[in-house]
C-alpha atoms as a PDB file:
ATOM      1  CA  UNK A   1     124.867  11.820 188.939  1.00  0.00           C
ATOM      2  CA  UNK A   2     122.752  12.482 185.837  1.00  0.00           C
ATOM      3  CA  UNK A   3     124.426  15.858 185.482  1.00  0.00           C
ATOM      4  CA  UNK A   4     127.889  14.359 185.239  1.00  0.00           C
ATOM      5  CA  UNK A   5     126.754  11.585 182.908  1.00  0.00           C
ATOM      6  CA  UNK A   6     125.152  14.086 180.547  1.00  0.00           C
ATOM      7  CA  UNK A   7     128.210  16.330 180.731  1.00  0.00           C
ATOM      8  CA  UNK A   8     130.450  13.361 179.910  1.00  0.00           C
ATOM      9  CA  UNK A   9     128.293  12.346 176.934  1.00  0.00           C
ATOM     10  CA  UNK A  10     128.089  15.847 175.448  1.00  0.00           C
ATOM     11  CA  UNK A  11     131.679  16.908 176.109  1.00  0.00           C
ATOM     12  CA  UNK A  12     132.912  13.477 175.041  1.00  0.00           C
ATOM     13  CA  UNK A  13     131.127  13.868 171.720  1.00  0.00           C
ATOM     14  CA  UNK A  14     132.627  17.279 170.913  1.00  0.00           C
ATOM     15  CA  UNK A  15     135.852  15.961 169.317  1.00  0.00           C
ATOM     16  CA  UNK A  16     133.734  13.715 167.080  1.00  0.00           C
ATOM     17  CA  UNK A  17     131.517  16.680 166.217  1.00  0.00           C
ATOM     18  CA  UNK A  18     134.511  18.743 165.129  1.00  0.00           C
ATOM     19  CA  UNK A  19     135.937  15.772 163.215  1.00  0.00           C
ATOM     20  CA  UNK A  20     132.610  14.968 161.486  1.00  0.00           C
ATOM     21  CA  UNK A  21     130.128  17.843 161.519  1.00  0.00           C
ATOM     22  CA  UNK A  22     126.937  15.810 160.791  1.00  0.00           C
ATOM     23  CA  UNK A  23     127.374  14.224 164.217  1.00  0.00           C
ATOM     24  CA  UNK A  24     126.916  17.744 165.580  1.00  0.00           C
ATOM     25  CA  UNK A  25     123.571  18.016 163.802  1.00  0.00           C
ATOM     26  CA  UNK A  26     122.548  14.697 165.354  1.00  0.00           C
ATOM     27  CA  UNK A  27     123.674  15.803 168.835  1.00  0.00           C
ATOM     28  CA  UNK A  28     122.010  19.223 168.491  1.00  0.00           C
ATOM     29  CA  UNK A  29     118.780  17.562 167.361  1.00  0.00           C
ATOM     30  CA  UNK A  30     118.917  15.083 170.227  1.00  0.00           C
ATOM     31  CA  UNK A  31     119.437  17.885 172.740  1.00  0.00           C
ATOM     32  CA  UNK A  32     116.698  19.958 171.152  1.00  0.00           C
ATOM     33  CA  UNK A  33     114.031  17.273 170.865  1.00  0.00           C
ATOM     34  CA  UNK A  34     114.700  15.209 173.974  1.00  0.00           C
ATOM     35  CA  UNK A  35     115.939  17.932 176.331  1.00  0.00           C
ATOM     36  CA  UNK A  36     117.926  15.495 178.495  1.00  0.00           C
ATOM     37  CA  UNK A  37     119.213  18.323 180.685  1.00  0.00           C
ATOM     38  CA  UNK A  38     115.653  18.818 181.964  1.00  0.00           C
ATOM     39  CA  UNK A  39     115.850  15.368 183.570  1.00  0.00           C
ATOM     40  CA  UNK A  40     118.793  16.471 185.705  1.00  0.00           C
ATOM     41  CA  UNK A  41     118.388  18.571 188.819  1.00  0.00           C
ATOM     42  CA  UNK A  42     121.856  19.987 189.336  1.00  0.00           C
ATOM     43  CA  UNK A  43     124.037  22.275 187.269  1.00  0.00           C
ATOM     44  CA  UNK A  44     123.049  20.555 184.021  1.00  0.00           C
ATOM     45  CA  UNK A  45     119.476  21.851 184.168  1.00  0.00           C
ATOM     46  CA  UNK A  46     120.499  25.271 182.888  1.00  0.00           C
ATOM     47  CA  UNK A  47     123.827  24.437 181.278  1.00  0.00           C
ATOM     48  CA  UNK A  48     124.115  25.487 177.588  1.00  0.00           C
ATOM     49  CA  UNK A  49     124.848  22.057 176.107  1.00  0.00           C
ATOM     50  CA  UNK A  50     123.310  23.000 172.760  1.00  0.00           C
ATOM     51  CA  UNK A  51     125.565  26.014 172.519  1.00  0.00           C
ATOM     52  CA  UNK A  52     128.665  23.855 172.999  1.00  0.00           C
ATOM     53  CA  UNK A  53     127.499  21.448 170.329  1.00  0.00           C
ATOM     54  CA  UNK A  54     126.548  24.310 167.988  1.00  0.00           C
ATOM     55  CA  UNK A  55     129.950  25.972 168.247  1.00  0.00           C
ATOM     56  CA  UNK A  56     131.694  22.637 167.690  1.00  0.00           C
ATOM     57  CA  UNK A  57     129.480  21.912 164.694  1.00  0.00           C
ATOM     58  CA  UNK A  58     130.238  25.279 163.126  1.00  0.00           C
ATOM     59  CA  UNK A  59     133.950  24.680 163.695  1.00  0.00           C
ATOM     60  CA  UNK A  60     133.621  21.216 162.183  1.00  0.00           C
ATOM     61  CA  UNK A  61     131.782  22.641 159.182  1.00  0.00           C
ATOM     62  CA  UNK A  62     135.010  24.170 157.937  1.00  0.00           C
ATOM     63  CA  UNK A  63     136.887  20.874 158.326  1.00  0.00           C
ATOM     64  CA  UNK A  64     134.221  18.593 156.848  1.00  0.00           C
ATOM     65  CA  UNK A  65     134.893  17.756 153.215  1.00  0.00           C
ATOM     66  CA  UNK A  66     131.548  16.189 152.212  1.00  0.00           C
ATOM     67  CA  UNK A  67     129.348  19.170 152.885  1.00  0.00           C
ATOM     68  CA  UNK A  68     126.927  20.173 150.192  1.00  0.00           C
ATOM     69  CA  UNK A  69     125.455  23.499 149.270  1.00  0.00           C
ATOM     70  CA  UNK A  70     122.102  24.967 150.135  1.00  0.00           C
ATOM     71  CA  UNK A  71     119.974  24.046 147.124  1.00  0.00           C
ATOM     72  CA  UNK A  72     118.003  26.951 145.729  1.00  0.00           C
ATOM     73  CA  UNK A  73     114.583  25.405 145.432  1.00  0.00           C
ATOM     74  CA  UNK A  74     111.146  26.497 146.542  1.00  0.00           C
ATOM     75  CA  UNK A  75     111.577  25.375 150.141  1.00  0.00           C
ATOM     76  CA  UNK A  76     114.871  27.123 150.780  1.00  0.00           C
ATOM     77  CA  UNK A  77     113.730  30.286 149.007  1.00  0.00           C
ATOM     78  CA  UNK A  78     110.631  30.390 151.215  1.00  0.00           C
ATOM     79  CA  UNK A  79     112.803  29.848 154.318  1.00  0.00           C
ATOM     80  CA  UNK A  80     115.093  32.714 153.299  1.00  0.00           C
ATOM     81  CA  UNK A  81     112.103  34.948 152.545  1.00  0.00           C
ATOM     82  CA  UNK A  82     110.601  34.026 155.912  1.00  0.00           C
ATOM     83  CA  UNK A  83     113.830  34.966 157.703  1.00  0.00           C
ATOM     84  CA  UNK A  84     113.891  38.302 155.871  1.00  0.00           C
ATOM     85  CA  UNK A  85     110.233  38.896 156.728  1.00  0.00           C
ATOM     86  CA  UNK A  86     110.819  38.122 160.413  1.00  0.00           C
ATOM     87  CA  UNK A  87     113.744  40.540 160.457  1.00  0.00           C
ATOM     88  CA  UNK A  88     111.723  43.321 158.848  1.00  0.00           C
ATOM     89  CA  UNK A  89     108.747  42.792 161.116  1.00  0.00           C
ATOM     90  CA  UNK A  90     110.990  42.793 164.178  1.00  0.00           C
ATOM     91  CA  UNK A  91     112.187  46.292 163.305  1.00  0.00           C
ATOM     92  CA  UNK A  92     108.602  47.556 163.569  1.00  0.00           C
ATOM     93  CA  UNK A  93     107.471  45.576 166.598  1.00  0.00           C
ATOM     94  CA  UNK A  94     105.549  47.126 169.454  1.00  0.00           C
ATOM     95  CA  UNK A  95     107.892  45.688 172.085  1.00  0.00           C
ATOM     96  CA  UNK A  96     111.300  45.652 170.382  1.00  0.00           C
ATOM     97  CA  UNK A  97     113.311  44.265 173.316  1.00  0.00           C
ATOM     98  CA  UNK A  98     111.160  41.152 173.529  1.00  0.00           C
ATOM     99  CA  UNK A  99     110.949  40.848 169.764  1.00  0.00           C
ATOM    100  CA  UNK A 100     114.717  40.924 169.279  1.00  0.00           C
ATOM    101  CA  UNK A 101     115.181  38.210 171.902  1.00  0.00           C
ATOM    102  CA  UNK A 102     112.770  35.952 170.022  1.00  0.00           C
ATOM    103  CA  UNK A 103     114.364  36.928 166.704  1.00  0.00           C
ATOM    104  CA  UNK A 104     117.765  35.883 168.044  1.00  0.00           C
ATOM    105  CA  UNK A 105     116.420  32.519 169.207  1.00  0.00           C
ATOM    106  CA  UNK A 106     114.573  31.924 165.935  1.00  0.00           C
ATOM    107  CA  UNK A 107     117.543  32.836 163.735  1.00  0.00           C
ATOM    108  CA  UNK A 108     119.750  30.366 165.612  1.00  0.00           C
ATOM    109  CA  UNK A 109     117.214  27.641 164.866  1.00  0.00           C
ATOM    110  CA  UNK A 110     117.044  28.696 161.210  1.00  0.00           C
ATOM    111  CA  UNK A 111     120.844  28.684 161.026  1.00  0.00           C
ATOM    112  CA  UNK A 112     120.842  25.072 162.143  1.00  0.00           C
ATOM    113  CA  UNK A 113     118.041  24.303 159.721  1.00  0.00           C
ATOM    114  CA  UNK A 114     120.290  25.455 156.898  1.00  0.00           C
ATOM    115  CA  UNK A 115     123.279  23.623 158.405  1.00  0.00           C
ATOM    116  CA  UNK A 116     121.146  20.483 158.472  1.00  0.00           C
ATOM    117  CA  UNK A 117     120.356  20.938 154.791  1.00  0.00           C
ATOM    118  CA  UNK A 118     124.050  21.423 154.001  1.00  0.00           C
ATOM    119  CA  UNK A 119     125.450  18.590 156.115  1.00  0.00           C
ATOM    120  CA  UNK A 120     122.802  15.876 155.950  1.00  0.00           C
ATOM    121  CA  UNK A 121     122.701  15.275 152.198  1.00  0.00           C
ATOM    122  CA  UNK A 122     123.926  11.678 152.296  1.00  0.00           C
ATOM    123  CA  UNK A 123     121.324   8.980 152.724  1.00  0.00           C
ATOM    124  CA  UNK A 124     122.917   7.402 155.799  1.00  0.00           C
ATOM    125  CA  UNK A 125     123.099  10.743 157.602  1.00  0.00           C
ATOM    126  CA  UNK A 126     119.469  11.496 156.760  1.00  0.00           C
ATOM    127  CA  UNK A 127     118.425   8.106 158.104  1.00  0.00           C
ATOM    128  CA  UNK A 128     120.410   8.731 161.292  1.00  0.00           C
ATOM    129  CA  UNK A 129     118.652  12.064 161.772  1.00  0.00           C
ATOM    130  CA  UNK A 130     115.263  10.427 161.295  1.00  0.00           C
ATOM    131  CA  UNK A 131     116.191   7.814 163.911  1.00  0.00           C
ATOM    132  CA  UNK A 132     117.344  10.465 166.397  1.00  0.00           C
ATOM    133  CA  UNK A 133     114.112  12.413 166.029  1.00  0.00           C
ATOM    134  CA  UNK A 134     111.916   9.312 166.111  1.00  0.00           C
ATOM    135  CA  UNK A 135     113.591   7.806 169.171  1.00  0.00           C
ATOM    136  CA  UNK A 136     113.555  11.123 171.010  1.00  0.00           C
ATOM    137  CA  UNK A 137     109.809  11.365 170.535  1.00  0.00           C
ATOM    138  CA  UNK A 138     109.089   7.682 171.057  1.00  0.00           C
ATOM    139  CA  UNK A 139     110.859   7.350 174.401  1.00  0.00           C
ATOM    140  CA  UNK A 140     110.471  10.788 175.892  1.00  0.00           C
ATOM    141  CA  UNK A 141     107.752  12.631 173.998  1.00  0.00           C
ATOM    142  CA  UNK A 142     107.997  16.251 172.957  1.00  0.00           C
ATOM    143  CA  UNK A 143     109.190  18.479 175.805  1.00  0.00           C
ATOM    144  CA  UNK A 144     109.804  21.595 173.627  1.00  0.00           C
END
């Protein structure tokens, strides 16, 4: 039952995510911090809900008019330098197969970090993101 409810919530939100991309950031954050699929025991346990939301958010990025730009300040420059450093160090890793798997996972997270910076520049969207993160931790703790 939980599987179908979670599927209905996530799939039902996808048109809104495409229509308004910051909702995708909120959904992706909720799925990432709360991990609601881990509370289901059927097909939803391993279903790629975050991937569906991510693809919809990227599609919605091109339709969303109020997106900002990545500001070039100290934080974003350090994040870009860190991504470059991780890529370079992955080339010279001892176990390259394992390292490239982790690199792939990490770069997806960094991509959404930059998408969050681009899409969540309005005050109301930033407050909504803070509420999503806070409520995910308050009610369910960190399940990372």
